[in-house]
């Protein structure tokens, strides 16, 4: 038996050919591995047939965050090229970012559309704190929505690094959910990328749909780099649960979370009673869900907090068994890949 507290226990070998670099079309034709815990049964299906596996009484929750064109390319005053990835807004119109290239406090980076970033802080974890402005003389800081407007003109969709390719025009729609509403994410809630308008309509008609917001940050791709998983400093992400969604969640008898972000948001609310703020909940086999009953999710990176979250539902050994089956059955992995329903 593997030790559930050791990061190395969550490792697995995945052929590079099974890393999905483009989505399948139509979206709901993606494969779906279904695991029924009560009968310990496994089914191989597709997303378009998900209603065949869902119980009659169910409350479904989805994440309506919207991906920002968060990757931008600019230059320092020396002419050196710089790549910047917006992570999330902080207080007082300051922003947490990742920067490829050497910078120091006071470094200015110049982008198209007159956008300028000035480095304010260098954090030990490699992140940087910057402010953005357009007028170098007045240096009026840009608020988040003003910054998003500019990034939508000059930025790039921040595809996950494992795709190992530049973003394309189609990614602007493919890497965005059909119901994306609130700008703030630098990664898509990928379990929701499998829905088509028809499939969403069918789910809405049978169950009704509930939306909450968690802005997925770059930390979602950060591997756990300590051997004791409980020593991992969990990243935090801004979340918000509206009044109607809170009411439906409080009254829900059975909950299906579409994605790990929805799961973490609901479980954080259940533990803290907070409906907005920073969620830093780390679900794992030693910290299991107490509100979410069922999970729809993609297949995740080895040694990541996301595969540990899956293990919080079904245990480490079963998680690795299902992943091994998915590999042998040629499922496509990660953001643009296939998925799994745990019921």
C-alpha atoms as a PDB file:
ATOM      1  CA  UNK A   1       0.000   0.000   0.000  1.00  0.00           C
ATOM      2  CA  UNK A   2       1.253   3.435  -0.871  1.00  0.00           C
ATOM      3  CA  UNK A   3       1.520   6.124   1.801  1.00  0.00           C
ATOM      4  CA  UNK A   4      -1.229   8.697   1.172  1.00  0.00           C
ATOM      5  CA  UNK A   5       0.879  11.389   2.838  1.00  0.00           C
ATOM      6  CA  UNK A   6       3.812  11.046   0.428  1.00  0.00           C
ATOM      7  CA  UNK A   7       3.859  13.066  -2.767  1.00  0.00           C
ATOM      8  CA  UNK A   8       5.725  10.310  -4.601  1.00  0.00           C
ATOM      9  CA  UNK A   9       2.705   8.049  -4.065  1.00  0.00           C
ATOM     10  CA  UNK A  10       0.716  10.197  -6.508  1.00  0.00           C
ATOM     11  CA  UNK A  11       3.097   9.718  -9.401  1.00  0.00           C
ATOM     12  CA  UNK A  12       2.286   7.841 -12.607  1.00  0.00           C
ATOM     13  CA  UNK A  13       3.740   7.432 -16.083  1.00  0.00           C
ATOM     14  CA  UNK A  14       1.788   8.961 -18.950  1.00  0.00           C
ATOM     15  CA  UNK A  15       2.765   8.552 -22.614  1.00  0.00           C
ATOM     16  CA  UNK A  16       3.237  12.006 -24.136  1.00  0.00           C
ATOM     17  CA  UNK A  17       0.913  10.966 -26.959  1.00  0.00           C
ATOM     18  CA  UNK A  18      -1.986  11.016 -24.467  1.00  0.00           C
ATOM     19  CA  UNK A  19      -1.520  14.663 -23.475  1.00  0.00           C
ATOM     20  CA  UNK A  20      -4.319  16.469 -25.298  1.00  0.00           C
ATOM     21  CA  UNK A  21      -2.989  19.568 -27.035  1.00  0.00           C
ATOM     22  CA  UNK A  22      -6.217  20.347 -28.907  1.00  0.00           C
ATOM     23  CA  UNK A  23      -9.844  19.717 -27.926  1.00  0.00           C
ATOM     24  CA  UNK A  24     -12.002  17.102 -29.561  1.00  0.00           C
ATOM     25  CA  UNK A  25     -15.079  18.287 -31.458  1.00  0.00           C
ATOM     26  CA  UNK A  26     -17.894  18.322 -30.711  1.00  0.00           C
ATOM     27  CA  UNK A  27     -16.942  18.890 -27.092  1.00  0.00           C
ATOM     28  CA  UNK A  28     -19.409  16.364 -25.672  1.00  0.00           C
ATOM     29  CA  UNK A  29     -17.932  13.542 -27.773  1.00  0.00           C
ATOM     30  CA  UNK A  30     -15.003  13.395 -25.345  1.00  0.00           C
ATOM     31  CA  UNK A  31     -14.699  10.101 -23.509  1.00  0.00           C
ATOM     32  CA  UNK A  32     -15.891   9.826 -19.907  1.00  0.00           C
ATOM     33  CA  UNK A  33     -14.845   7.162 -17.450  1.00  0.00           C
ATOM     34  CA  UNK A  34     -17.632   6.604 -14.927  1.00  0.00           C
ATOM     35  CA  UNK A  35     -16.862   5.120 -11.518  1.00  0.00           C
ATOM     36  CA  UNK A  36     -19.820   4.038  -9.389  1.00  0.00           C
ATOM     37  CA  UNK A  37     -18.569   3.772  -5.812  1.00  0.00           C
ATOM     38  CA  UNK A  38     -21.579   1.938  -4.376  1.00  0.00           C
ATOM     39  CA  UNK A  39     -21.191  -1.041  -6.729  1.00  0.00           C
ATOM     40  CA  UNK A  40     -17.479  -0.542  -7.442  1.00  0.00           C
ATOM     41  CA  UNK A  41     -18.289  -0.540 -11.169  1.00  0.00           C
ATOM     42  CA  UNK A  42     -16.508   1.180 -14.042  1.00  0.00           C
ATOM     43  CA  UNK A  43     -18.164   2.266 -17.279  1.00  0.00           C
ATOM     44  CA  UNK A  44     -16.675   3.787 -20.420  1.00  0.00           C
ATOM     45  CA  UNK A  45     -18.950   6.352 -21.996  1.00  0.00           C
ATOM     46  CA  UNK A  46     -18.979   9.872 -23.466  1.00  0.00           C
ATOM     47  CA  UNK A  47     -19.975  13.225 -22.016  1.00  0.00           C
ATOM     48  CA  UNK A  48     -23.073  13.465 -24.163  1.00  0.00           C
ATOM     49  CA  UNK A  49     -24.475  10.464 -22.265  1.00  0.00           C
ATOM     50  CA  UNK A  50     -23.821  11.863 -18.793  1.00  0.00           C
ATOM     51  CA  UNK A  51     -27.532  12.055 -17.929  1.00  0.00           C
ATOM     52  CA  UNK A  52     -27.736   8.261 -18.061  1.00  0.00           C
ATOM     53  CA  UNK A  53     -25.472   8.053 -15.004  1.00  0.00           C
ATOM     54  CA  UNK A  54     -26.739  10.890 -12.812  1.00  0.00           C
ATOM     55  CA  UNK A  55     -29.164  10.234  -9.947  1.00  0.00           C
ATOM     56  CA  UNK A  56     -32.644  11.749 -10.115  1.00  0.00           C
ATOM     57  CA  UNK A  57     -32.328  14.129  -7.186  1.00  0.00           C
ATOM     58  CA  UNK A  58     -29.290  16.311  -7.705  1.00  0.00           C
ATOM     59  CA  UNK A  59     -28.009  19.882  -7.454  1.00  0.00           C
ATOM     60  CA  UNK A  60     -25.338  20.750 -10.030  1.00  0.00           C
ATOM     61  CA  UNK A  61     -22.782  23.520  -9.490  1.00  0.00           C
ATOM     62  CA  UNK A  62     -20.470  25.040 -12.113  1.00  0.00           C
ATOM     63  CA  UNK A  63     -17.758  27.701 -12.152  1.00  0.00           C
ATOM     64  CA  UNK A  64     -18.552  30.782 -14.288  1.00  0.00           C
ATOM     65  CA  UNK A  65     -15.080  32.328 -14.142  1.00  0.00           C
ATOM     66  CA  UNK A  66     -13.726  33.749 -17.409  1.00  0.00           C
ATOM     67  CA  UNK A  67     -10.157  33.301 -18.635  1.00  0.00           C
ATOM     68  CA  UNK A  68      -8.164  36.496 -19.151  1.00  0.00           C
ATOM     69  CA  UNK A  69      -5.718  36.859 -22.035  1.00  0.00           C
ATOM     70  CA  UNK A  70      -3.136  36.893 -19.311  1.00  0.00           C
ATOM     71  CA  UNK A  71       0.083  36.241 -21.263  1.00  0.00           C
ATOM     72  CA  UNK A  72       1.702  39.345 -22.760  1.00  0.00           C
ATOM     73  CA  UNK A  73       5.045  40.022 -24.411  1.00  0.00           C
ATOM     74  CA  UNK A  74       6.949  43.257 -23.956  1.00  0.00           C
ATOM     75  CA  UNK A  75      10.376  44.823 -23.671  1.00  0.00           C
ATOM     76  CA  UNK A  76      12.491  46.427 -21.001  1.00  0.00           C
ATOM     77  CA  UNK A  77      13.983  49.872 -21.598  1.00  0.00           C
ATOM     78  CA  UNK A  78      17.169  48.051 -22.651  1.00  0.00           C
ATOM     79  CA  UNK A  79      15.269  46.374 -25.495  1.00  0.00           C
ATOM     80  CA  UNK A  80      15.414  42.933 -23.851  1.00  0.00           C
ATOM     81  CA  UNK A  81      12.325  40.779 -24.448  1.00  0.00           C
ATOM     82  CA  UNK A  82      10.087  39.969 -21.486  1.00  0.00           C
ATOM     83  CA  UNK A  83       7.127  37.613 -21.079  1.00  0.00           C
ATOM     84  CA  UNK A  84       4.636  38.375 -18.308  1.00  0.00           C
ATOM     85  CA  UNK A  85       1.800  36.186 -17.044  1.00  0.00           C
ATOM     86  CA  UNK A  86      -0.848  37.881 -14.964  1.00  0.00           C
ATOM     87  CA  UNK A  87      -1.807  35.691 -12.013  1.00  0.00           C
ATOM     88  CA  UNK A  88      -4.333  37.698 -10.023  1.00  0.00           C
ATOM     89  CA  UNK A  89      -5.181  41.206  -8.784  1.00  0.00           C
ATOM     90  CA  UNK A  90      -4.135  42.265  -5.299  1.00  0.00           C
ATOM     91  CA  UNK A  91      -5.227  45.240  -3.211  1.00  0.00           C
ATOM     92  CA  UNK A  92      -4.843  48.842  -4.406  1.00  0.00           C
ATOM     93  CA  UNK A  93      -4.606  47.941  -8.110  1.00  0.00           C
ATOM     94  CA  UNK A  94      -1.463  45.921  -7.711  1.00  0.00           C
ATOM     95  CA  UNK A  95      -1.062  42.532  -9.379  1.00  0.00           C
ATOM     96  CA  UNK A  96       0.677  39.244  -8.755  1.00  0.00           C
ATOM     97  CA  UNK A  97       2.486  38.083 -11.901  1.00  0.00           C
ATOM     98  CA  UNK A  98       5.089  35.666 -13.214  1.00  0.00           C
ATOM     99  CA  UNK A  99       7.853  37.128 -15.379  1.00  0.00           C
ATOM    100  CA  UNK A 100      10.226  35.338 -17.751  1.00  0.00           C
ATOM    101  CA  UNK A 101      13.347  37.475 -17.818  1.00  0.00           C
ATOM    102  CA  UNK A 102      15.524  39.240 -15.270  1.00  0.00           C
ATOM    103  CA  UNK A 103      13.910  42.129 -13.447  1.00  0.00           C
ATOM    104  CA  UNK A 104      14.496  44.088 -10.263  1.00  0.00           C
ATOM    105  CA  UNK A 105      12.400  46.450  -8.199  1.00  0.00           C
ATOM    106  CA  UNK A 106      11.796  49.526 -10.340  1.00  0.00           C
ATOM    107  CA  UNK A 107      12.130  47.724 -13.682  1.00  0.00           C
ATOM    108  CA  UNK A 108       9.613  48.972 -16.243  1.00  0.00           C
ATOM    109  CA  UNK A 109       8.240  46.734 -18.983  1.00  0.00           C
ATOM    110  CA  UNK A 110       6.683  48.250 -22.095  1.00  0.00           C
ATOM    111  CA  UNK A 111       3.871  46.582 -24.048  1.00  0.00           C
ATOM    112  CA  UNK A 112       1.672  47.431 -27.028  1.00  0.00           C
ATOM    113  CA  UNK A 113      -1.266  49.821 -26.564  1.00  0.00           C
ATOM    114  CA  UNK A 114       0.956  51.968 -24.345  1.00  0.00           C
ATOM    115  CA  UNK A 115       0.696  49.511 -21.445  1.00  0.00           C
ATOM    116  CA  UNK A 116       3.516  49.741 -18.910  1.00  0.00           C
ATOM    117  CA  UNK A 117       4.245  47.520 -15.916  1.00  0.00           C
ATOM    118  CA  UNK A 118       6.540  48.540 -13.080  1.00  0.00           C
ATOM    119  CA  UNK A 119       7.976  45.919 -10.733  1.00  0.00           C
ATOM    120  CA  UNK A 120       7.253  46.722  -7.078  1.00  0.00           C
ATOM    121  CA  UNK A 121       8.240  43.527  -5.245  1.00  0.00           C
ATOM    122  CA  UNK A 122      10.207  40.325  -5.853  1.00  0.00           C
ATOM    123  CA  UNK A 123       8.768  37.386  -3.910  1.00  0.00           C
ATOM    124  CA  UNK A 124      10.800  34.384  -2.792  1.00  0.00           C
ATOM    125  CA  UNK A 125       8.470  31.970  -4.595  1.00  0.00           C
ATOM    126  CA  UNK A 126       9.350  33.536  -7.940  1.00  0.00           C
ATOM    127  CA  UNK A 127       6.224  35.668  -8.296  1.00  0.00           C
ATOM    128  CA  UNK A 128       6.420  39.433  -8.737  1.00  0.00           C
ATOM    129  CA  UNK A 129       4.149  42.278  -7.671  1.00  0.00           C
ATOM    130  CA  UNK A 130       3.620  44.969 -10.311  1.00  0.00           C
ATOM    131  CA  UNK A 131       1.423  47.912 -11.126  1.00  0.00           C
ATOM    132  CA  UNK A 132       0.133  48.727 -14.607  1.00  0.00           C
ATOM    133  CA  UNK A 133      -0.423  52.154 -16.119  1.00  0.00           C
ATOM    134  CA  UNK A 134      -0.645  53.774 -19.558  1.00  0.00           C
ATOM    135  CA  UNK A 135       0.532  57.305 -18.865  1.00  0.00           C
ATOM    136  CA  UNK A 136       4.120  57.199 -17.623  1.00  0.00           C
ATOM    137  CA  UNK A 137       3.905  60.785 -16.361  1.00  0.00           C
ATOM    138  CA  UNK A 138       0.714  60.583 -14.299  1.00  0.00           C
ATOM    139  CA  UNK A 139       1.298  56.916 -13.391  1.00  0.00           C
ATOM    140  CA  UNK A 140      -2.399  56.403 -12.646  1.00  0.00           C
ATOM    141  CA  UNK A 141      -2.700  52.719 -11.804  1.00  0.00           C
ATOM    142  CA  UNK A 142      -5.032  50.686 -13.984  1.00  0.00           C
ATOM    143  CA  UNK A 143      -7.874  48.906 -12.251  1.00  0.00           C
ATOM    144  CA  UNK A 144      -8.574  45.296 -13.126  1.00  0.00           C
ATOM    145  CA  UNK A 145     -11.344  45.799 -15.691  1.00  0.00           C
ATOM    146  CA  UNK A 146      -9.364  48.504 -17.494  1.00  0.00           C
ATOM    147  CA  UNK A 147      -6.366  46.170 -17.579  1.00  0.00           C
ATOM    148  CA  UNK A 148      -8.498  43.300 -18.929  1.00  0.00           C
ATOM    149  CA  UNK A 149      -9.734  45.548 -21.761  1.00  0.00           C
ATOM    150  CA  UNK A 150      -6.138  46.150 -22.830  1.00  0.00           C
ATOM    151  CA  UNK A 151      -5.077  42.527 -22.387  1.00  0.00           C
ATOM    152  CA  UNK A 152      -7.985  41.434 -24.591  1.00  0.00           C
ATOM    153  CA  UNK A 153      -6.361  43.470 -27.371  1.00  0.00           C
ATOM    154  CA  UNK A 154      -2.709  42.513 -26.924  1.00  0.00           C
ATOM    155  CA  UNK A 155      -2.635  39.398 -24.760  1.00  0.00           C
ATOM    156  CA  UNK A 156      -2.645  35.675 -25.419  1.00  0.00           C
ATOM    157  CA  UNK A 157      -4.737  32.863 -23.951  1.00  0.00           C
ATOM    158  CA  UNK A 158      -2.482  31.322 -21.269  1.00  0.00           C
ATOM    159  CA  UNK A 159      -2.482  27.694 -22.348  1.00  0.00           C
ATOM    160  CA  UNK A 160      -1.003  25.309 -19.776  1.00  0.00           C
ATOM    161  CA  UNK A 161       2.737  24.708 -20.273  1.00  0.00           C
ATOM    162  CA  UNK A 162       2.294  20.967 -20.912  1.00  0.00           C
ATOM    163  CA  UNK A 163       0.521  21.722 -24.193  1.00  0.00           C
ATOM    164  CA  UNK A 164       3.898  22.873 -25.456  1.00  0.00           C
ATOM    165  CA  UNK A 165       2.495  25.097 -28.201  1.00  0.00           C
ATOM    166  CA  UNK A 166       1.531  28.699 -28.875  1.00  0.00           C
ATOM    167  CA  UNK A 167      -2.090  29.703 -28.520  1.00  0.00           C
ATOM    168  CA  UNK A 168      -4.218  29.964 -31.653  1.00  0.00           C
ATOM    169  CA  UNK A 169      -7.340  31.936 -32.520  1.00  0.00           C
ATOM    170  CA  UNK A 170      -9.603  28.944 -31.804  1.00  0.00           C
ATOM    171  CA  UNK A 171      -8.270  28.756 -28.239  1.00  0.00           C
ATOM    172  CA  UNK A 172     -10.089  32.011 -27.481  1.00  0.00           C
ATOM    173  CA  UNK A 173     -13.338  30.019 -27.578  1.00  0.00           C
ATOM    174  CA  UNK A 174     -12.109  26.464 -26.957  1.00  0.00           C
ATOM    175  CA  UNK A 175     -10.339  27.402 -23.686  1.00  0.00           C
ATOM    176  CA  UNK A 176     -13.418  29.223 -22.360  1.00  0.00           C
ATOM    177  CA  UNK A 177     -16.599  27.669 -20.980  1.00  0.00           C
ATOM    178  CA  UNK A 178     -19.938  28.382 -22.664  1.00  0.00           C
ATOM    179  CA  UNK A 179     -21.096  30.167 -19.510  1.00  0.00           C
ATOM    180  CA  UNK A 180     -17.899  32.100 -18.718  1.00  0.00           C
ATOM    181  CA  UNK A 181     -19.020  35.390 -17.192  1.00  0.00           C
ATOM    182  CA  UNK A 182     -16.628  36.910 -14.647  1.00  0.00           C
ATOM    183  CA  UNK A 183     -13.099  37.750 -15.783  1.00  0.00           C
ATOM    184  CA  UNK A 184     -10.315  36.689 -13.451  1.00  0.00           C
ATOM    185  CA  UNK A 185      -8.957  33.222 -14.305  1.00  0.00           C
ATOM    186  CA  UNK A 186      -5.646  32.359 -15.925  1.00  0.00           C
ATOM    187  CA  UNK A 187      -6.723  28.741 -16.409  1.00  0.00           C
ATOM    188  CA  UNK A 188     -10.077  27.350 -17.479  1.00  0.00           C
ATOM    189  CA  UNK A 189     -12.252  25.177 -15.232  1.00  0.00           C
ATOM    190  CA  UNK A 190     -11.597  22.368 -17.659  1.00  0.00           C
ATOM    191  CA  UNK A 191     -14.297  19.868 -16.672  1.00  0.00           C
ATOM    192  CA  UNK A 192     -16.787  22.391 -18.044  1.00  0.00           C
ATOM    193  CA  UNK A 193     -15.153  22.561 -21.467  1.00  0.00           C
ATOM    194  CA  UNK A 194     -17.012  19.385 -22.458  1.00  0.00           C
ATOM    195  CA  UNK A 195     -20.453  20.950 -22.494  1.00  0.00           C
ATOM    196  CA  UNK A 196     -22.345  21.850 -25.649  1.00  0.00           C
ATOM    197  CA  UNK A 197     -25.384  24.157 -25.676  1.00  0.00           C
ATOM    198  CA  UNK A 198     -27.677  21.138 -26.130  1.00  0.00           C
ATOM    199  CA  UNK A 199     -26.139  19.192 -23.256  1.00  0.00           C
ATOM    200  CA  UNK A 200     -26.347  22.207 -20.942  1.00  0.00           C
ATOM    201  CA  UNK A 201     -29.984  22.679 -21.919  1.00  0.00           C
ATOM    202  CA  UNK A 202     -30.788  19.056 -21.072  1.00  0.00           C
ATOM    203  CA  UNK A 203     -29.111  19.369 -17.664  1.00  0.00           C
ATOM    204  CA  UNK A 204     -30.883  22.668 -16.987  1.00  0.00           C
ATOM    205  CA  UNK A 205     -34.259  21.194 -17.858  1.00  0.00           C
ATOM    206  CA  UNK A 206     -33.815  18.148 -15.636  1.00  0.00           C
ATOM    207  CA  UNK A 207     -31.938  19.577 -12.664  1.00  0.00           C
ATOM    208  CA  UNK A 208     -31.500  23.316 -12.931  1.00  0.00           C
ATOM    209  CA  UNK A 209     -27.945  24.675 -12.835  1.00  0.00           C
ATOM    210  CA  UNK A 210     -26.144  26.714 -10.194  1.00  0.00           C
ATOM    211  CA  UNK A 211     -23.136  28.962 -10.789  1.00  0.00           C
ATOM    212  CA  UNK A 212     -20.429  30.184  -8.458  1.00  0.00           C
ATOM    213  CA  UNK A 213     -17.081  31.823  -9.183  1.00  0.00           C
ATOM    214  CA  UNK A 214     -13.527  30.804  -8.407  1.00  0.00           C
ATOM    215  CA  UNK A 215     -10.788  32.535 -10.394  1.00  0.00           C
ATOM    216  CA  UNK A 216      -8.322  29.783 -11.223  1.00  0.00           C
ATOM    217  CA  UNK A 217      -4.735  30.933 -10.700  1.00  0.00           C
ATOM    218  CA  UNK A 218      -1.403  29.792 -12.085  1.00  0.00           C
ATOM    219  CA  UNK A 219      -0.828  27.902  -8.836  1.00  0.00           C
ATOM    220  CA  UNK A 220      -3.182  25.191 -10.071  1.00  0.00           C
ATOM    221  CA  UNK A 221      -0.324  23.883 -12.254  1.00  0.00           C
ATOM    222  CA  UNK A 222       2.294  24.033  -9.503  1.00  0.00           C
ATOM    223  CA  UNK A 223       3.462  20.539  -8.589  1.00  0.00           C
ATOM    224  CA  UNK A 224       3.777  19.556  -4.957  1.00  0.00           C
ATOM    225  CA  UNK A 225       7.536  19.700  -4.410  1.00  0.00           C
ATOM    226  CA  UNK A 226       7.702  18.495  -0.815  1.00  0.00           C
ATOM    227  CA  UNK A 227       7.489  14.799   0.055  1.00  0.00           C
ATOM    228  CA  UNK A 228       5.020  15.294   2.918  1.00  0.00           C
ATOM    229  CA  UNK A 229       1.860  16.545   1.196  1.00  0.00           C
ATOM    230  CA  UNK A 230       0.653  18.239   4.390  1.00  0.00           C
ATOM    231  CA  UNK A 231       3.712  20.508   4.242  1.00  0.00           C
ATOM    232  CA  UNK A 232       2.657  21.871   0.845  1.00  0.00           C
ATOM    233  CA  UNK A 233       1.797  25.612   0.973  1.00  0.00           C
ATOM    234  CA  UNK A 234      -1.549  25.631  -0.826  1.00  0.00           C
ATOM    235  CA  UNK A 235      -2.125  28.525  -3.247  1.00  0.00           C
ATOM    236  CA  UNK A 236      -5.171  30.727  -2.710  1.00  0.00           C
ATOM    237  CA  UNK A 237      -7.736  31.840  -5.277  1.00  0.00           C
ATOM    238  CA  UNK A 238     -10.538  34.389  -5.076  1.00  0.00           C
ATOM    239  CA  UNK A 239     -14.066  32.956  -4.904  1.00  0.00           C
ATOM    240  CA  UNK A 240     -17.600  34.237  -4.659  1.00  0.00           C
ATOM    241  CA  UNK A 241     -20.911  32.445  -4.092  1.00  0.00           C
ATOM    242  CA  UNK A 242     -24.053  34.420  -4.937  1.00  0.00           C
ATOM    243  CA  UNK A 243     -27.126  34.543  -2.736  1.00  0.00           C
ATOM    244  CA  UNK A 244     -29.202  32.205  -4.933  1.00  0.00           C
ATOM    245  CA  UNK A 245     -26.375  29.670  -5.272  1.00  0.00           C
ATOM    246  CA  UNK A 246     -25.797  29.778  -1.498  1.00  0.00           C
ATOM    247  CA  UNK A 247     -29.484  29.136  -0.858  1.00  0.00           C
ATOM    248  CA  UNK A 248     -29.558  26.201  -3.267  1.00  0.00           C
ATOM    249  CA  UNK A 249     -26.353  24.813  -1.817  1.00  0.00           C
ATOM    250  CA  UNK A 250     -27.687  25.008   1.726  1.00  0.00           C
ATOM    251  CA  UNK A 251     -30.838  23.152   0.658  1.00  0.00           C
ATOM    252  CA  UNK A 252     -29.173  20.616  -1.623  1.00  0.00           C
ATOM    253  CA  UNK A 253     -29.615  16.949  -0.719  1.00  0.00           C
ATOM    254  CA  UNK A 254     -27.041  15.674  -3.217  1.00  0.00           C
ATOM    255  CA  UNK A 255     -24.354  17.832  -4.858  1.00  0.00           C
ATOM    256  CA  UNK A 256     -22.479  17.308  -8.120  1.00  0.00           C
ATOM    257  CA  UNK A 257     -19.444  19.580  -8.432  1.00  0.00           C
ATOM    258  CA  UNK A 258     -18.344  20.148 -12.010  1.00  0.00           C
ATOM    259  CA  UNK A 259     -14.600  20.385 -11.542  1.00  0.00           C
ATOM    260  CA  UNK A 260     -12.063  20.631  -8.765  1.00  0.00           C
ATOM    261  CA  UNK A 261     -12.486  24.418  -8.489  1.00  0.00           C
ATOM    262  CA  UNK A 262     -16.185  24.058  -7.706  1.00  0.00           C
ATOM    263  CA  UNK A 263     -15.397  21.301  -5.217  1.00  0.00           C
ATOM    264  CA  UNK A 264     -12.865  23.417  -3.351  1.00  0.00           C
ATOM    265  CA  UNK A 265     -15.197  26.432  -3.289  1.00  0.00           C
ATOM    266  CA  UNK A 266     -18.144  24.478  -1.909  1.00  0.00           C
ATOM    267  CA  UNK A 267     -16.028  22.659   0.650  1.00  0.00           C
ATOM    268  CA  UNK A 268     -14.371  25.888   1.777  1.00  0.00           C
ATOM    269  CA  UNK A 269     -17.800  27.487   2.244  1.00  0.00           C
ATOM    270  CA  UNK A 270     -19.034  24.449   4.160  1.00  0.00           C
ATOM    271  CA  UNK A 271     -16.097  24.755   6.568  1.00  0.00           C
ATOM    272  CA  UNK A 272     -15.996  28.554   6.981  1.00  0.00           C
ATOM    273  CA  UNK A 273     -19.475  29.827   6.025  1.00  0.00           C
ATOM    274  CA  UNK A 274     -17.733  32.471   3.901  1.00  0.00           C
ATOM    275  CA  UNK A 275     -19.330  33.313   0.549  1.00  0.00           C
ATOM    276  CA  UNK A 276     -16.402  35.295  -0.823  1.00  0.00           C
ATOM    277  CA  UNK A 277     -12.699  35.733  -0.207  1.00  0.00           C
ATOM    278  CA  UNK A 278      -9.552  33.676  -0.758  1.00  0.00           C
ATOM    279  CA  UNK A 279      -9.937  29.904  -0.903  1.00  0.00           C
ATOM    280  CA  UNK A 280      -6.838  27.934   0.065  1.00  0.00           C
ATOM    281  CA  UNK A 281      -8.462  24.610   0.924  1.00  0.00           C
ATOM    282  CA  UNK A 282      -6.340  21.524   0.239  1.00  0.00           C
ATOM    283  CA  UNK A 283      -8.479  18.406  -0.167  1.00  0.00           C
ATOM    284  CA  UNK A 284      -6.670  15.083   0.090  1.00  0.00           C
ATOM    285  CA  UNK A 285      -7.270  11.638   1.634  1.00  0.00           C
ATOM    286  CA  UNK A 286      -6.676  13.142   5.083  1.00  0.00           C
ATOM    287  CA  UNK A 287      -9.125  15.999   4.430  1.00  0.00           C
ATOM    288  CA  UNK A 288     -12.144  14.546   2.640  1.00  0.00           C
ATOM    289  CA  UNK A 289     -15.208  16.308   1.194  1.00  0.00           C
ATOM    290  CA  UNK A 290     -18.073  16.855   3.617  1.00  0.00           C
ATOM    291  CA  UNK A 291     -20.632  18.451   1.266  1.00  0.00           C
ATOM    292  CA  UNK A 292     -19.887  17.419  -2.333  1.00  0.00           C
ATOM    293  CA  UNK A 293     -21.245  13.971  -3.167  1.00  0.00           C
ATOM    294  CA  UNK A 294     -20.283  13.527  -6.816  1.00  0.00           C
ATOM    295  CA  UNK A 295     -17.434  14.856  -8.935  1.00  0.00           C
ATOM    296  CA  UNK A 296     -17.053  15.473 -12.668  1.00  0.00           C
ATOM    297  CA  UNK A 297     -13.432  16.201 -13.517  1.00  0.00           C
ATOM    298  CA  UNK A 298     -10.635  15.762 -16.039  1.00  0.00           C
ATOM    299  CA  UNK A 299      -7.502  13.654 -15.597  1.00  0.00           C
ATOM    300  CA  UNK A 300      -4.797  15.574 -13.768  1.00  0.00           C
ATOM    301  CA  UNK A 301      -1.050  15.953 -13.538  1.00  0.00           C
ATOM    302  CA  UNK A 302       0.935  13.478 -11.417  1.00  0.00           C
ATOM    303  CA  UNK A 303       1.939  14.687  -7.959  1.00  0.00           C
ATOM    304  CA  UNK A 304      -0.493  17.615  -8.177  1.00  0.00           C
ATOM    305  CA  UNK A 305      -2.992  18.847  -5.589  1.00  0.00           C
ATOM    306  CA  UNK A 306      -5.697  18.042  -8.156  1.00  0.00           C
ATOM    307  CA  UNK A 307      -5.051  14.303  -8.272  1.00  0.00           C
ATOM    308  CA  UNK A 308      -4.873  14.419  -4.475  1.00  0.00           C
ATOM    309  CA  UNK A 309      -8.337  16.011  -4.482  1.00  0.00           C
ATOM    310  CA  UNK A 310      -9.648  13.112  -6.583  1.00  0.00           C
ATOM    311  CA  UNK A 311      -8.090  10.739  -4.055  1.00  0.00           C
ATOM    312  CA  UNK A 312      -9.999  12.537  -1.290  1.00  0.00           C
ATOM    313  CA  UNK A 313     -13.191  11.142  -2.863  1.00  0.00           C
ATOM    314  CA  UNK A 314     -12.182   7.583  -3.685  1.00  0.00           C
ATOM    315  CA  UNK A 315      -8.821   6.940  -2.030  1.00  0.00           C
ATOM    316  CA  UNK A 316      -5.316   6.820  -3.447  1.00  0.00           C
ATOM    317  CA  UNK A 317      -5.297   3.199  -4.608  1.00  0.00           C
ATOM    318  CA  UNK A 318      -8.582   3.493  -6.512  1.00  0.00           C
ATOM    319  CA  UNK A 319      -7.479   6.779  -8.064  1.00  0.00           C
ATOM    320  CA  UNK A 320      -4.288   5.230  -9.411  1.00  0.00           C
ATOM    321  CA  UNK A 321      -6.211   2.159 -10.577  1.00  0.00           C
ATOM    322  CA  UNK A 322      -8.644   4.325 -12.565  1.00  0.00           C
ATOM    323  CA  UNK A 323      -5.814   6.404 -14.011  1.00  0.00           C
ATOM    324  CA  UNK A 324      -4.044   3.224 -15.082  1.00  0.00           C
ATOM    325  CA  UNK A 325      -7.221   2.013 -16.777  1.00  0.00           C
ATOM    326  CA  UNK A 326      -7.653   5.385 -18.498  1.00  0.00           C
ATOM    327  CA  UNK A 327      -4.099   5.203 -19.828  1.00  0.00           C
ATOM    328  CA  UNK A 328      -4.594   1.667 -21.127  1.00  0.00           C
ATOM    329  CA  UNK A 329      -7.922   2.660 -22.725  1.00  0.00           C
ATOM    330  CA  UNK A 330      -6.195   5.577 -24.456  1.00  0.00           C
ATOM    331  CA  UNK A 331      -8.033   8.388 -22.705  1.00  0.00           C
ATOM    332  CA  UNK A 332      -6.713  11.878 -23.428  1.00  0.00           C
ATOM    333  CA  UNK A 333      -5.325  13.693 -20.385  1.00  0.00           C
ATOM    334  CA  UNK A 334      -5.296  17.206 -18.911  1.00  0.00           C
ATOM    335  CA  UNK A 335      -7.098  20.415 -19.894  1.00  0.00           C
ATOM    336  CA  UNK A 336      -8.251  19.536 -23.410  1.00  0.00           C
ATOM    337  CA  UNK A 337      -8.583  15.848 -22.592  1.00  0.00           C
ATOM    338  CA  UNK A 338     -11.272  13.406 -21.562  1.00  0.00           C
ATOM    339  CA  UNK A 339     -12.801  13.165 -18.122  1.00  0.00           C
ATOM    340  CA  UNK A 340     -14.153  11.120 -15.254  1.00  0.00           C
ATOM    341  CA  UNK A 341     -17.425  11.065 -13.357  1.00  0.00           C
ATOM    342  CA  UNK A 342     -17.369   9.823  -9.784  1.00  0.00           C
ATOM    343  CA  UNK A 343     -20.849   8.904  -8.496  1.00  0.00           C
END
